[in-house]
């Protein structure tokens, strides 16, 4: 289940950035979740923060759930993005 979510997040990151992420050309099955999330987080976080201000409630809820997933798995390693995310949610 978690692996499918990671694969979906990688596809969303590639779609949002408009390019393939070269460091993830390797098989995702061989990488641990933490490493993959660290690589896609800077790009995907910008998209998720923008999505928090959408008028469609389902998109906002999905963005919050994904951000919650990142916070659970990355914690304080999110660095400078954590205050921005919390400010956007509140």
Protein backbone atom coordinates (compact mmCIF):
# COMPACT_ATOMS: atom_id res chain seq x y z
CA UNK A 1 0.00 0.00 0.00
CA UNK A 2 2.75 2.45 0.94
CA UNK A 3 4.77 1.54 -2.15
CA UNK A 4 1.77 2.30 -4.38
CA UNK A 5 1.35 5.68 -2.67
CA UNK A 6 5.06 6.43 -3.20
CA UNK A 7 4.81 5.51 -6.88
CA UNK A 8 1.78 7.78 -7.27
CA UNK A 9 3.62 10.64 -5.56
CA UNK A 10 6.62 10.17 -7.86
CA UNK A 11 4.33 10.29 -10.91
CA UNK A 12 2.62 13.43 -9.55
CA UNK A 13 6.00 15.05 -8.96
CA UNK A 14 7.14 14.26 -12.49
CA UNK A 15 3.86 15.56 -13.90
CA UNK A 16 4.03 18.80 -11.90
CA UNK A 17 7.69 19.46 -12.69
CA UNK A 18 7.25 18.51 -16.35
CA UNK A 19 10.30 16.28 -16.38
CA UNK A 20 11.44 12.87 -15.30
CA UNK A 21 13.36 12.77 -12.06
CA UNK A 22 16.74 11.29 -13.10
CA UNK A 23 17.70 10.04 -9.65
CA UNK A 24 14.53 7.93 -9.53
CA UNK A 25 15.15 6.12 -12.81
CA UNK A 26 16.32 3.28 -10.63
CA UNK A 27 13.77 0.77 -9.50
CA UNK A 28 11.76 2.30 -6.66
CA UNK A 29 11.42 -1.15 -5.14
CA UNK A 30 15.17 -1.08 -4.37
CA UNK A 31 14.99 2.24 -2.51
CA UNK A 32 13.67 2.82 0.96
CA UNK A 33 10.65 5.06 1.44
CA UNK A 34 12.60 7.73 3.30
CA UNK A 35 15.09 8.25 0.45
CA UNK A 36 12.41 8.50 -2.24
CA UNK A 37 10.36 10.97 -0.19
CA UNK A 38 13.42 13.14 0.45
CA UNK A 39 14.09 13.32 -3.28
CA UNK A 40 10.57 14.26 -4.35
CA UNK A 41 9.57 16.42 -1.38
CA UNK A 42 11.06 19.80 -2.47
CA UNK A 43 9.25 19.69 -5.81
CA UNK A 44 6.00 18.16 -4.62
CA UNK A 45 5.70 20.42 -1.56
CA UNK A 46 5.41 23.51 -3.78
CA UNK A 47 2.56 21.88 -5.67
CA UNK A 48 0.82 20.78 -2.47
CA UNK A 49 1.06 24.22 -0.89
CA UNK A 50 -0.46 25.76 -4.04
CA UNK A 51 -3.23 23.15 -3.93
CA UNK A 52 -4.17 24.19 -0.38
CA UNK A 53 -5.60 27.40 -1.81
CA UNK A 54 -7.80 25.72 -4.45
CA UNK A 55 -11.53 26.31 -4.36
CA UNK A 56 -12.31 22.60 -4.72
CA UNK A 57 -12.52 21.04 -1.27
CA UNK A 58 -11.55 17.47 -2.35
CA UNK A 59 -8.25 18.80 -3.74
CA UNK A 60 -7.53 20.66 -0.51
CA UNK A 61 -8.28 17.58 1.59
CA UNK A 62 -6.06 15.40 -0.62
CA UNK A 63 -3.20 17.90 -0.32
CA UNK A 64 -3.54 17.95 3.47
CA UNK A 65 -3.52 14.14 3.63
CA UNK A 66 -0.39 13.94 1.50
CA UNK A 67 1.32 16.61 3.59
CA UNK A 68 0.35 14.62 6.68
CA UNK A 69 1.98 11.55 5.07
CA UNK A 70 5.18 13.55 4.50
CA UNK A 71 5.20 14.83 8.07
CA UNK A 72 4.74 11.30 9.43
CA UNK A 73 7.59 9.87 7.37
CA UNK A 74 10.05 12.75 7.15
CA UNK A 75 9.41 14.69 10.35
CA UNK A 76 11.94 17.39 11.10
CA UNK A 77 14.04 16.64 8.02
CA UNK A 78 11.51 18.69 6.08
CA UNK A 79 13.54 21.67 7.32
CA UNK A 80 12.47 25.06 6.03
CA UNK A 81 9.26 23.69 4.50
CA UNK A 82 7.67 22.67 7.80
CA UNK A 83 6.81 26.22 9.01
CA UNK A 84 5.52 27.16 5.55
CA UNK A 85 3.28 24.08 5.44
CA UNK A 86 1.93 24.64 8.94
CA UNK A 87 1.25 28.32 8.20
CA UNK A 88 -0.58 27.39 4.97
CA UNK A 89 -2.77 24.79 6.70
CA UNK A 90 -3.70 27.08 9.56
